[in-house]
C-alpha atoms as a PDB file:
ATOM      1  CA  MET A   1       6.981  17.192   0.420  1.00  0.00           C
ATOM      2  CA  ARG A   2      10.575  15.031   0.344  1.00  0.00           C
ATOM      3  CA  SER A   3      11.616  12.660   2.353  1.00  0.00           C
ATOM      4  CA  PRO A   4      15.146  10.798   2.586  1.00  0.00           C
ATOM      5  CA  ARG A   5      13.208   7.869   4.274  1.00  0.00           C
ATOM      6  CA  PRO A   6      10.016   5.872   4.487  1.00  0.00           C
ATOM      7  CA  LEU A   7       6.607   7.702   5.093  1.00  0.00           C
ATOM      8  CA  ALA A   8       3.309   6.329   6.596  1.00  0.00           C
ATOM      9  CA  LEU A   9       0.064   7.469   4.663  1.00  0.00           C
ATOM     10  CA  ILE A  10      -3.103   7.397   7.058  1.00  0.00           C
ATOM     11  CA  GLY A  11      -6.157   7.562   6.066  1.00  0.00           C
ATOM     12  CA  GLY A  12      -9.799   7.649   7.968  1.00  0.00           C
ATOM     13  CA  GLY A  13     -10.910   3.671   7.475  1.00  0.00           C
ATOM     14  CA  PRO A  14     -10.016   0.812  10.340  1.00  0.00           C
ATOM     15  CA  VAL A  15      -6.742   1.469  12.060  1.00  0.00           C
ATOM     16  CA  ALA A  16      -5.603  -0.843  14.882  1.00  0.00           C
ATOM     17  CA  ALA A  17      -2.998   0.097  17.274  1.00  0.00           C
ATOM     18  CA  GLU A  18      -0.533  -2.341  15.990  1.00  0.00           C
ATOM     19  CA  ASP A  19      -0.853  -0.787  12.803  1.00  0.00           C
ATOM     20  CA  ILE A  20       0.223   2.521  14.320  1.00  0.00           C
ATOM     21  CA  GLU A  21       3.085   0.438  15.864  1.00  0.00           C
ATOM     22  CA  GLU A  22       4.438  -1.169  13.177  1.00  0.00           C
ATOM     23  CA  ALA A  23       4.010   2.276  11.099  1.00  0.00           C
ATOM     24  CA  ILE A  24       6.482   3.621  13.552  1.00  0.00           C
ATOM     25  CA  GLY A  25       9.030   0.838  13.459  1.00  0.00           C
ATOM     26  CA  LEU A  26       9.641   1.222   9.705  1.00  0.00           C
ATOM     27  CA  THR A  27       8.854   4.477   8.557  1.00  0.00           C
ATOM     28  CA  ALA A  28       9.812   8.160   9.343  1.00  0.00           C
ATOM     29  CA  GLY A  29       6.415   9.853  10.426  1.00  0.00           C
ATOM     30  CA  PHE A  30       3.619   9.835   9.376  1.00  0.00           C
ATOM     31  CA  VAL A  31       1.767  12.101   6.981  1.00  0.00           C
ATOM     32  CA  ALA A  32      -2.325  12.007   6.960  1.00  0.00           C
ATOM     33  CA  ALA A  33      -5.023  11.679   4.111  1.00  0.00           C
ATOM     34  CA  ASP A  34      -7.520  13.987   5.277  1.00  0.00           C
ATOM     35  CA  GLY A  35      -9.850  12.445   8.254  1.00  0.00           C
ATOM     36  CA  GLY A  36      -7.241  10.175   8.548  1.00  0.00           C
ATOM     37  CA  VAL A  37      -5.818  12.873  10.880  1.00  0.00           C
ATOM     38  CA  ALA A  38      -7.843  12.085  13.807  1.00  0.00           C
ATOM     39  CA  HIS A  39      -6.239   8.468  14.221  1.00  0.00           C
ATOM     40  CA  LEU A  40      -3.312  10.545  14.937  1.00  0.00           C
ATOM     41  CA  THR A  41      -4.599  12.957  17.139  1.00  0.00           C
ATOM     42  CA  ASP A  42      -6.157  10.200  19.070  1.00  0.00           C
ATOM     43  CA  ARG A  43      -3.220   8.571  19.614  1.00  0.00           C
ATOM     44  CA  ALA A  44      -1.067  12.057  20.461  1.00  0.00           C
ATOM     45  CA  ILE A  45       0.757  11.947  17.355  1.00  0.00           C
ATOM     46  CA  ARG A  46       1.748  14.772  15.203  1.00  0.00           C
ATOM     47  CA  PRO A  47       1.501  14.150  11.409  1.00  0.00           C
ATOM     48  CA  LEU A  48       4.321  16.300   9.273  1.00  0.00           C
ATOM     49  CA  ALA A  49       1.019  17.505   6.652  1.00  0.00           C
ATOM     50  CA  VAL A  50      -2.021  17.037   6.444  1.00  0.00           C
ATOM     51  CA  ILE A  51      -3.539  16.615   2.689  1.00  0.00           C
ATOM     52  CA  GLY A  52      -6.439  16.234   1.004  1.00  0.00           C
ATOM     53  CA  ASP A  53      -9.708  18.141   0.251  1.00  0.00           C
ATOM     54  CA  MET A  54     -10.222  18.011   3.678  1.00  0.00           C
ATOM     55  CA  ASP A  55     -14.283  17.235   3.144  1.00  0.00           C
ATOM     56  CA  SER A  56     -13.592  14.729   6.455  1.00  0.00           C
ATOM     57  CA  ALA A  57     -11.619  17.214   8.527  1.00  0.00           C
ATOM     58  CA  ASP A  58     -12.000  20.886   9.779  1.00  0.00           C
ATOM     59  CA  ALA A  59      -9.108  22.216   8.176  1.00  0.00           C
ATOM     60  CA  ASP A  60      -8.905  25.442  10.567  1.00  0.00           C
ATOM     61  CA  ALA A  61      -8.968  22.946  13.837  1.00  0.00           C
ATOM     62  CA  VAL A  62      -6.124  20.827  12.162  1.00  0.00           C
ATOM     63  CA  ALA A  63      -4.639  23.967  11.934  1.00  0.00           C
ATOM     64  CA  ALA A  64      -5.169  25.614  15.110  1.00  0.00           C
ATOM     65  CA  GLU A  65      -3.676  22.570  16.264  1.00  0.00           C
ATOM     66  CA  GLY A  66       0.119  23.125  14.960  1.00  0.00           C
ATOM     67  CA  ASN A  67      -0.208  20.714  11.583  1.00  0.00           C
ATOM     68  CA  PRO A  68       0.692  21.550   8.088  1.00  0.00           C
ATOM     69  CA  VAL A  69      -2.316  21.627   6.220  1.00  0.00           C
ATOM     70  CA  HIS A  70      -1.696  20.821   2.101  1.00  0.00           C
ATOM     71  CA  ARG A  71      -5.248  22.059   1.446  1.00  0.00           C
ATOM     72  CA  ILE A  72      -6.268  20.227  -2.438  1.00  0.00           C
ATOM     73  CA  ASP A  73      -9.392  22.031  -3.809  1.00  0.00           C
ATOM     74  CA  GLU A  74     -10.535  18.916  -6.382  1.00  0.00           C
ATOM     75  CA  GLN A  75     -12.850  16.212  -6.675  1.00  0.00           C
ATOM     76  CA  ASP A  76     -11.855  14.155  -9.442  1.00  0.00           C
ATOM     77  CA  SER A  77      -8.842  12.040  -7.160  1.00  0.00           C
ATOM     78  CA  THR A  78      -8.546   9.885  -3.565  1.00  0.00           C
ATOM     79  CA  ASP A  79      -7.459  11.714  -0.830  1.00  0.00           C
ATOM     80  CA  LEU A  80      -4.669   8.976  -0.859  1.00  0.00           C
ATOM     81  CA  GLU A  81      -3.808   9.952  -4.784  1.00  0.00           C
ATOM     82  CA  LYS A  82      -3.959  13.454  -3.580  1.00  0.00           C
ATOM     83  CA  CYS A  83      -1.149  12.472  -1.306  1.00  0.00           C
ATOM     84  CA  LEU A  84       0.692   9.981  -3.447  1.00  0.00           C
ATOM     85  CA  ARG A  85       1.363  13.124  -5.599  1.00  0.00           C
ATOM     86  CA  ALA A  86       2.218  15.397  -3.138  1.00  0.00           C
ATOM     87  CA  ILE A  87       5.019  13.453  -1.686  1.00  0.00           C
ATOM     88  CA  GLU A  88       8.625  11.855  -2.969  1.00  0.00           C
ATOM     89  CA  ALA A  89       9.821   9.239  -0.269  1.00  0.00           C
ATOM     90  CA  PRO A  90      11.898   5.677  -1.341  1.00  0.00           C
ATOM     91  CA  LEU A  91       8.487   3.955   0.405  1.00  0.00           C
ATOM     92  CA  LEU A  92       5.014   4.860   1.609  1.00  0.00           C
ATOM     93  CA  LEU A  93       3.337   2.149   4.419  1.00  0.00           C
ATOM     94  CA  GLY A  94      -0.777   2.934   3.652  1.00  0.00           C
ATOM     95  CA  LEU A  95      -2.718   2.422   6.712  1.00  0.00           C
ATOM     96  CA  GLY A  96      -6.229   2.984   7.391  1.00  0.00           C
ATOM     97  CA  PHE A  97      -7.456   2.404   3.462  1.00  0.00           C
ATOM     98  CA  LEU A  98      -7.728  -0.814   3.440  1.00  0.00           C
ATOM     99  CA  GLY A  99     -10.908  -2.479   5.410  1.00  0.00           C
ATOM    100  CA  GLY A 100     -14.314  -0.298   5.821  1.00  0.00           C
ATOM    101  CA  ARG A 101     -15.965   0.061   2.619  1.00  0.00           C
ATOM    102  CA  ALA A 102     -15.819  -1.128  -0.307  1.00  0.00           C
ATOM    103  CA  ASP A 103     -15.393   1.225  -2.680  1.00  0.00           C
ATOM    104  CA  HIS A 104     -12.492   2.603  -0.765  1.00  0.00           C
ATOM    105  CA  ASN A 105     -10.774  -0.661  -0.935  1.00  0.00           C
ATOM    106  CA  LEU A 106     -11.326  -0.893  -4.630  1.00  0.00           C
ATOM    107  CA  ALA A 107     -10.398   3.020  -4.731  1.00  0.00           C
ATOM    108  CA  ALA A 108      -7.030   1.988  -3.051  1.00  0.00           C
ATOM    109  CA  MET A 109      -6.049  -0.556  -5.006  1.00  0.00           C
ATOM    110  CA  ASN A 110      -6.644   0.717  -7.699  1.00  0.00           C
ATOM    111  CA  ALA A 111      -4.314   3.808  -6.772  1.00  0.00           C
ATOM    112  CA  LEU A 112      -1.334   1.044  -6.658  1.00  0.00           C
ATOM    113  CA  VAL A 113      -1.434   0.010  -9.881  1.00  0.00           C
ATOM    114  CA  ARG A 114      -2.012   4.026 -10.847  1.00  0.00           C
ATOM    115  CA  HIS A 115       0.996   5.393  -8.623  1.00  0.00           C
ATOM    116  CA  ALA A 116       4.254   5.417 -10.759  1.00  0.00           C
ATOM    117  CA  GLY A 117       6.348   7.381  -7.608  1.00  0.00           C
ATOM    118  CA  ALA A 118       7.479   5.417  -4.614  1.00  0.00           C
ATOM    119  CA  PRO A 119       6.381   1.955  -3.699  1.00  0.00           C
ATOM    120  CA  LEU A 120       3.624   1.980  -1.499  1.00  0.00           C
ATOM    121  CA  VAL A 121       2.104  -0.907   0.365  1.00  0.00           C
ATOM    122  CA  LEU A 122      -1.082  -0.758   2.113  1.00  0.00           C
ATOM    123  CA  LEU A 123      -1.382  -2.156   4.921  1.00  0.00           C
ATOM    124  CA  GLY A 124      -4.724  -4.285   6.345  1.00  0.00           C
ATOM    125  CA  GLY A 125      -6.057  -5.961   9.058  1.00  0.00           C
ATOM    126  CA  GLU A 126      -4.893  -9.658   8.099  1.00  0.00           C
ATOM    127  CA  ASP A 127      -2.981  -8.652   4.726  1.00  0.00           C
ATOM    128  CA  ILE A 128      -0.738  -6.494   3.199  1.00  0.00           C
ATOM    129  CA  CYS A 129      -1.385  -5.525  -0.709  1.00  0.00           C
ATOM    130  CA  PHE A 130       1.085  -4.045  -3.147  1.00  0.00           C
ATOM    131  CA  HIS A 131       1.805  -3.767  -6.809  1.00  0.00           C
ATOM    132  CA  CYS A 132       4.727  -5.952  -8.111  1.00  0.00           C
ATOM    133  CA  ARG A 133       5.930  -3.578 -10.981  1.00  0.00           C
ATOM    134  CA  ASP A 134       9.494  -5.738 -11.614  1.00  0.00           C
ATOM    135  CA  THR A 135      10.762  -9.917 -10.238  1.00  0.00           C
ATOM    136  CA  LEU A 136       9.608 -10.223  -6.613  1.00  0.00           C
ATOM    137  CA  VAL A 137      11.958 -12.171  -4.696  1.00  0.00           C
ATOM    138  CA  LEU A 138      11.286 -13.278  -1.187  1.00  0.00           C
ATOM    139  CA  ASP A 139      11.752 -15.965   1.319  1.00  0.00           C
ATOM    140  CA  LEU A 140       8.549 -17.865   2.572  1.00  0.00           C
ATOM    141  CA  ALA A 141       7.597 -20.372   4.862  1.00  0.00           C
ATOM    142  CA  ALA A 142       6.145 -23.525   3.087  1.00  0.00           C
ATOM    143  CA  GLY A 143       2.155 -23.296   2.689  1.00  0.00           C
ATOM    144  CA  THR A 144       2.224 -19.317   3.261  1.00  0.00           C
ATOM    145  CA  ARG A 145      -0.824 -17.747   1.141  1.00  0.00           C
ATOM    146  CA  VAL A 146       0.349 -16.035  -2.222  1.00  0.00           C
ATOM    147  CA  SER A 147      -2.440 -14.499  -4.114  1.00  0.00           C
ATOM    148  CA  ILE A 148      -2.408 -12.263  -6.984  1.00  0.00           C
ATOM    149  CA  PHE A 149      -4.884 -10.197  -8.411  1.00  0.00           C
ATOM    150  CA  PRO A 150      -4.770  -8.959 -12.216  1.00  0.00           C
ATOM    151  CA  MET A 151      -5.599  -5.033 -12.240  1.00  0.00           C
ATOM    152  CA  ALA A 152      -5.138  -5.547 -16.189  1.00  0.00           C
ATOM    153  CA  PRO A 153      -4.330  -8.204 -18.596  1.00  0.00           C
ATOM    154  CA  LEU A 154      -1.000  -9.705 -18.182  1.00  0.00           C
ATOM    155  CA  THR A 155       0.564 -13.328 -18.289  1.00  0.00           C
ATOM    156  CA  GLY A 156       3.295 -14.556 -16.207  1.00  0.00           C
ATOM    157  CA  CYS A 157       6.734 -15.311 -17.240  1.00  0.00           C
ATOM    158  CA  LEU A 158       8.575 -15.744 -14.041  1.00  0.00           C
ATOM    159  CA  SER A 159       6.884 -18.444 -11.512  1.00  0.00           C
ATOM    160  CA  GLU A 160       9.118 -20.012  -9.172  1.00  0.00           C
ATOM    161  CA  GLY A 161       8.731 -21.646  -5.122  1.00  0.00           C
ATOM    162  CA  LEU A 162       4.730 -21.936  -5.982  1.00  0.00           C
ATOM    163  CA  ARG A 163       2.587 -24.700  -5.653  1.00  0.00           C
ATOM    164  CA  TRP A 164       0.811 -23.734  -8.609  1.00  0.00           C
ATOM    165  CA  THR A 165       3.010 -21.797 -11.446  1.00  0.00           C
ATOM    166  CA  ILE A 166       1.609 -18.735 -13.087  1.00  0.00           C
ATOM    167  CA  GLU A 167       4.560 -18.830 -16.099  1.00  0.00           C
ATOM    168  CA  GLY A 168       2.130 -18.296 -19.016  1.00  0.00           C
ATOM    169  CA  LEU A 169      -1.188 -17.818 -17.153  1.00  0.00           C
ATOM    170  CA  ALA A 170      -3.106 -15.202 -18.682  1.00  0.00           C
ATOM    171  CA  MET A 171      -4.960 -13.156 -16.292  1.00  0.00           C
ATOM    172  CA  ARG A 172      -7.083 -10.266 -16.044  1.00  0.00           C
ATOM    173  CA  PRO A 173      -9.701  -9.061 -13.986  1.00  0.00           C
ATOM    174  CA  ASP A 174     -12.844 -10.262 -15.569  1.00  0.00           C
ATOM    175  CA  GLY A 175     -11.058 -13.362 -16.407  1.00  0.00           C
ATOM    176  CA  GLN A 176      -8.755 -16.156 -14.608  1.00  0.00           C
ATOM    177  CA  ILE A 177      -6.996 -14.468 -11.434  1.00  0.00           C
ATOM    178  CA  GLY A 178      -4.249 -16.202  -8.787  1.00  0.00           C
ATOM    179  CA  THR A 179      -5.459 -16.198  -5.522  1.00  0.00           C
ATOM    180  CA  SER A 180      -5.379 -18.415  -2.556  1.00  0.00           C
ATOM    181  CA  ASN A 181      -1.873 -20.033  -4.272  1.00  0.00           C
ATOM    182  CA  MET A 182       0.639 -21.582  -2.337  1.00  0.00           C
ATOM    183  CA  ALA A 183       4.523 -20.569  -1.054  1.00  0.00           C
ATOM    184  CA  LEU A 184       6.491 -24.234  -1.221  1.00  0.00           C
ATOM    185  CA  GLY A 185       9.148 -23.034   1.122  1.00  0.00           C
ATOM    186  CA  GLY A 186      12.301 -21.287   0.376  1.00  0.00           C
ATOM    187  CA  ALA A 187      13.070 -18.402  -2.134  1.00  0.00           C
ATOM    188  CA  MET A 188       9.750 -17.676  -3.969  1.00  0.00           C
ATOM    189  CA  ARG A 189      10.335 -15.615  -7.357  1.00  0.00           C
ATOM    190  CA  MET A 190       7.241 -14.107  -9.366  1.00  0.00           C
ATOM    191  CA  GLY A 191       7.391 -12.112 -12.824  1.00  0.00           C
ATOM    192  CA  PHE A 192       4.617 -10.388 -15.436  1.00  0.00           C
ATOM    193  CA  ASP A 193       4.880  -8.972 -19.148  1.00  0.00           C
ATOM    194  CA  GLY A 194       3.759  -5.954 -17.433  1.00  0.00           C
ATOM    195  CA  PRO A 195       2.491  -3.672 -14.864  1.00  0.00           C
ATOM    196  CA  GLY A 196      -1.195  -4.548 -13.174  1.00  0.00           C
ATOM    197  CA  ALA A 197      -0.240  -7.554 -10.304  1.00  0.00           C
ATOM    198  CA  LEU A 198      -1.529  -6.834  -6.902  1.00  0.00           C
ATOM    199  CA  VAL A 199      -0.001  -8.992  -4.783  1.00  0.00           C
ATOM    200  CA  ILE A 200      -1.925  -9.894  -1.271  1.00  0.00           C
ATOM    201  CA  LEU A 201      -0.115 -11.547   1.440  1.00  0.00           C
ATOM    202  CA  PRO A 202      -0.425 -12.226   5.027  1.00  0.00           C
ATOM    203  CA  ARG A 203       0.577  -8.319   7.225  1.00  0.00           C
ATOM    204  CA  HIS A 204       3.379 -10.504   9.075  1.00  0.00           C
ATOM    205  CA  LEU A 205       5.818 -10.697   5.912  1.00  0.00           C
ATOM    206  CA  LEU A 206       5.884  -6.635   5.593  1.00  0.00           C
ATOM    207  CA  ALA A 207       9.193  -5.653   6.847  1.00  0.00           C
ATOM    208  CA  GLN A 208      10.489  -8.652   4.552  1.00  0.00           C
ATOM    209  CA  VAL A 209       8.438  -6.753   1.954  1.00  0.00           C
ATOM    210  CA  THR A 210       8.987  -3.553   2.823  1.00  0.00           C
ATOM    211  CA  GLU A 211      12.938  -4.412   3.016  1.00  0.00           C
ATOM    212  CA  VAL A 212      12.741  -5.992  -0.740  1.00  0.00           C
ATOM    213  CA  LEU A 213      10.325  -2.790  -2.394  1.00  0.00           C
ATOM    214  CA  LEU A 214      13.416  -0.292  -0.610  1.00  0.00           C
ATOM    215  CA  GLN A 215      16.426  -2.226  -2.473  1.00  0.00           C
ATOM    216  CA  GLY A 216      14.482  -2.158  -5.589  1.00  0.00           C
ATOM    217  CA  ALA A 217      13.296   1.221  -5.019  1.00  0.00           C
ATOM    218  CA  PRO A 218      15.063   4.109  -7.347  1.00  0.00           C
END
Protein backbone atom coordinates (compact mmCIF):
# COMPACT_ATOMS: atom_id res chain seq x y z
CA MET A 1 0.00 0.00 0.00
CA ARG A 2 1.11 3.58 -0.65
CA SER A 3 0.54 6.81 1.22
CA PRO A 4 1.79 10.33 0.44
CA ARG A 5 1.70 11.10 4.17
CA PRO A 6 3.33 9.43 7.21
CA LEU A 7 1.61 6.34 8.63
CA ALA A 8 1.53 4.73 12.06
CA LEU A 9 2.26 1.03 12.50
CA ILE A 10 0.82 -0.55 15.63
CA GLY A 11 2.03 -3.84 17.07
CA GLY A 12 0.83 -6.06 19.86
CA GLY A 13 3.14 -4.75 22.59
CA PRO A 14 2.31 -2.13 25.22
CA VAL A 15 0.57 0.96 23.81
CA ALA A 16 -0.53 3.86 26.02
CA ALA A 17 -3.42 6.21 25.27
CA GLU A 18 -0.95 9.07 24.73
CA ASP A 19 0.85 6.97 22.10
CA ILE A 20 -2.37 6.77 20.09
CA GLU A 21 -3.03 10.50 20.46
CA GLU A 22 0.49 11.43 19.35
CA ALA A 23 0.23 9.15 16.34
CA ILE A 24 -3.12 10.66 15.32
CA GLY A 25 -1.53 14.11 15.32
CA LEU A 26 1.52 13.08 13.28
CA THR A 27 0.22 10.56 10.73
CA ALA A 28 -2.55 9.94 8.22
CA GLY A 29 -3.76 6.74 9.85
CA PHE A 30 -2.90 3.34 11.31
CA VAL A 31 -1.73 0.07 9.84
CA ALA A 32 -1.97 -2.82 12.29
CA ALA A 33 0.68 -5.52 12.47
CA ASP A 34 -1.34 -8.68 13.13
CA GLY A 35 -2.55 -8.67 16.76
CA GLY A 36 -1.87 -4.95 17.07
CA VAL A 37 -5.33 -4.47 15.59
CA ALA A 38 -6.77 -5.12 19.08
CA HIS A 39 -5.41 -1.76 20.29
CA LEU A 40 -7.40 -0.02 17.55
CA THR A 41 -10.54 -2.10 18.02
CA ASP A 42 -10.56 -1.21 21.73
CA ARG A 43 -10.58 2.49 20.75
CA ALA A 44 -13.03 2.19 17.83
CA ILE A 45 -10.33 3.19 15.35
CA ARG A 46 -10.49 1.56 11.93
CA PRO A 47 -7.09 0.60 10.47
CA LEU A 48 -6.17 1.30 6.88
CA ALA A 49 -4.94 -2.30 6.72
CA VAL A 50 -4.05 -5.28 8.90
CA ILE A 51 -0.84 -6.98 7.78
CA GLY A 52 0.83 -10.15 9.05
CA ASP A 53 0.67 -13.91 9.22
CA MET A 54 -2.44 -13.53 11.40
CA ASP A 55 -1.28 -15.94 14.09
CA SER A 56 -2.20 -13.41 16.78
CA ALA A 57 -5.57 -12.28 15.40
CA ASP A 58 -8.56 -14.04 13.88
CA ALA A 59 -8.34 -13.04 10.21
CA ASP A 60 -11.99 -13.83 9.52
CA ALA A 61 -13.21 -11.84 12.52
CA VAL A 62 -10.97 -8.90 11.63
CA ALA A 63 -12.21 -8.93 8.03
CA ALA A 64 -15.82 -9.26 9.16
CA GLU A 65 -15.46 -5.93 10.95
CA GLY A 66 -14.66 -4.31 7.60
CA ASN A 67 -10.89 -4.17 8.00
CA PRO A 68 -8.70 -4.86 4.93
CA VAL A 69 -6.54 -7.90 5.75
CA HIS A 70 -3.25 -8.54 3.93
CA ARG A 71 -2.20 -12.00 5.04
CA ILE A 72 1.43 -12.97 4.50
CA ASP A 73 1.93 -16.65 5.31
CA GLU A 74 5.62 -17.00 6.15
CA GLN A 75 7.48 -17.31 9.43
CA ASP A 76 10.92 -16.07 8.37
CA SER A 77 10.19 -12.44 9.28
CA THR A 78 8.35 -10.57 12.01
CA ASP A 79 5.01 -8.86 11.46
CA LEU A 80 6.82 -5.51 11.67
CA GLU A 81 9.10 -6.57 8.81
CA LYS A 82 6.10 -7.73 6.79
CA CYS A 83 4.53 -4.29 7.22
CA LEU A 84 7.74 -2.53 6.23
CA ARG A 85 7.93 -4.54 3.01
CA ALA A 86 4.29 -3.88 2.15
CA ILE A 87 4.11 -0.11 2.76
CA GLU A 88 5.46 2.90 0.88
CA ALA A 89 5.21 6.16 2.82
CA PRO A 90 7.51 9.12 3.54
CA LEU A 91 7.81 8.15 7.23
CA LEU A 92 6.54 5.46 9.58
CA LEU A 93 5.85 5.71 13.31
CA GLY A 94 5.93 2.40 15.19
CA LEU A 95 3.82 1.88 18.33
CA GLY A 96 3.62 -1.31 20.35
CA PHE A 97 7.06 -2.58 19.33
CA LEU A 98 9.09 -1.31 22.32
CA GLY A 99 8.36 -2.40 25.86
CA GLY A 100 7.09 -5.79 26.89
CA ARG A 101 9.18 -8.78 25.81
CA ALA A 102 12.92 -8.24 25.39
CA ASP A 103 13.13 -10.48 22.31
CA HIS A 104 10.42 -8.42 20.60
CA ASN A 105 12.34 -5.22 21.39
CA LEU A 106 15.53 -6.64 19.90
CA ALA A 107 13.70 -7.88 16.82
CA ALA A 108 12.22 -4.41 16.26
CA MET A 109 15.64 -2.78 16.57
CA ASN A 110 17.05 -5.33 14.14
CA ALA A 111 14.29 -4.37 11.69
CA LEU A 112 15.22 -0.69 12.08
CA VAL A 113 18.71 -1.17 10.67
CA ARG A 114 17.73 -3.77 8.04
CA HIS A 115 14.88 -1.69 6.62
CA ALA A 116 15.99 0.39 3.65
CA GLY A 117 12.69 2.15 2.94
CA ALA A 118 10.97 5.03 4.68
CA PRO A 119 12.44 6.30 7.97
CA LEU A 120 10.92 4.42 10.91
CA VAL A 121 10.69 5.85 14.43
CA LEU A 122 9.79 3.49 17.26
CA LEU A 123 7.88 5.04 20.16
CA GLY A 124 8.28 3.58 23.65
CA GLY A 125 7.22 4.52 27.13
CA GLU A 126 10.18 6.84 27.75
CA ASP A 127 12.09 6.84 24.48
CA ILE A 128 12.05 7.06 20.74
CA CYS A 129 14.46 4.98 18.69
CA PHE A 130 15.47 5.29 15.03
CA HIS A 131 18.27 4.43 12.63
CA CYS A 132 20.68 7.29 11.88
CA ARG A 133 21.27 6.85 8.15
CA ASP A 134 22.80 10.25 7.43
CA THR A 135 24.04 13.34 9.25
CA LEU A 136 21.59 14.12 12.05
CA VAL A 137 21.02 17.69 13.21
CA LEU A 138 18.71 18.46 16.14
CA ASP A 139 18.12 21.46 18.41
CA LEU A 140 18.43 20.06 21.93
CA ALA A 141 18.22 21.58 25.38
CA ALA A 142 21.33 21.32 27.55
CA GLY A 143 21.38 18.06 29.47
CA THR A 144 19.17 16.14 27.01
CA ARG A 145 20.05 12.45 27.02
CA VAL A 146 21.50 11.24 23.72
CA SER A 147 22.22 7.54 23.37
CA ILE A 148 23.81 5.71 20.46
CA PHE A 149 23.82 1.95 20.15
CA PRO A 150 25.83 0.40 17.31
CA MET A 151 24.12 -2.51 15.57
CA ALA A 152 27.21 -2.94 13.35
CA PRO A 153 30.85 -1.85 13.55
CA LEU A 154 31.02 1.89 12.84
CA THR A 155 33.04 5.00 13.62
CA GLY A 156 31.79 8.46 14.54
CA CYS A 157 32.83 10.97 11.88
CA LEU A 158 30.92 14.04 13.08
CA SER A 159 30.30 15.15 16.63
CA GLU A 160 29.12 18.61 17.63
CA GLY A 161 27.08 19.67 20.64
CA LEU A 162 27.72 16.51 22.68
CA ARG A 163 29.41 16.44 26.07
CA TRP A 164 31.49 13.42 25.06
CA THR A 165 32.66 13.48 21.46
CA ILE A 166 32.00 10.46 19.27
CA GLU A 167 34.30 11.66 16.49
CA GLY A 168 36.85 8.95 15.78
CA LEU A 169 35.17 6.61 18.27
CA ALA A 170 35.04 3.02 16.99
CA MET A 171 31.83 1.34 18.17
CA ARG A 172 30.45 -2.18 17.82
CA PRO A 173 27.67 -4.23 19.44
CA ASP A 174 30.13 -6.35 21.43
CA GLY A 175 32.51 -3.50 22.23
CA GLN A 176 32.40 0.27 22.73
CA ILE A 177 28.90 1.75 22.70
CA GLY A 178 27.67 5.32 23.07
CA THR A 179 24.76 5.31 25.50
CA SER A 180 23.95 8.06 28.04
CA ASN A 181 25.73 10.90 26.27
CA MET A 182 24.41 14.43 26.85
CA ALA A 183 23.61 17.46 24.72
CA LEU A 184 25.44 20.71 25.51
CA GLY A 185 22.50 22.80 24.30
CA GLY A 186 21.64 24.22 20.89
CA ALA A 187 22.53 22.49 17.64
CA MET A 188 23.62 18.86 18.00
CA ARG A 189 25.17 17.19 14.95
CA MET A 190 26.29 13.61 14.56
CA GLY A 191 27.31 11.34 11.72
CA PHE A 192 28.93 7.97 11.13
CA ASP A 193 31.07 6.28 8.51
CA GLY A 194 28.36 3.77 7.67
CA PRO A 195 24.92 2.40 8.62
CA GLY A 196 24.04 0.73 11.89
CA ALA A 197 23.74 3.50 14.50
CA LEU A 198 20.55 3.43 16.53
CA VAL A 199 19.77 6.78 18.18
CA ILE A 200 17.71 6.70 21.37
CA LEU A 201 16.24 9.98 22.66
CA PRO A 202 13.58 11.09 25.16
CA ARG A 203 10.10 10.72 23.69
CA HIS A 204 9.22 14.42 23.99
CA LEU A 205 11.48 14.95 20.97
CA LEU A 206 9.20 12.87 18.71
CA ALA A 207 7.73 15.79 16.74
CA GLN A 208 11.14 17.38 16.09
CA VAL A 209 12.70 14.07 15.04
CA THR A 210 9.89 13.17 12.66
CA GLU A 211 10.11 16.62 11.07
CA VAL A 212 13.87 16.29 10.57
CA LEU A 213 13.60 12.78 9.14
CA LEU A 214 10.82 13.86 6.78
CA GLN A 215 13.01 16.66 5.46
CA GLY A 216 15.67 14.11 4.62
CA ALA A 217 13.28 11.53 3.14
CA PRO A 218 13.33 11.03 -0.64
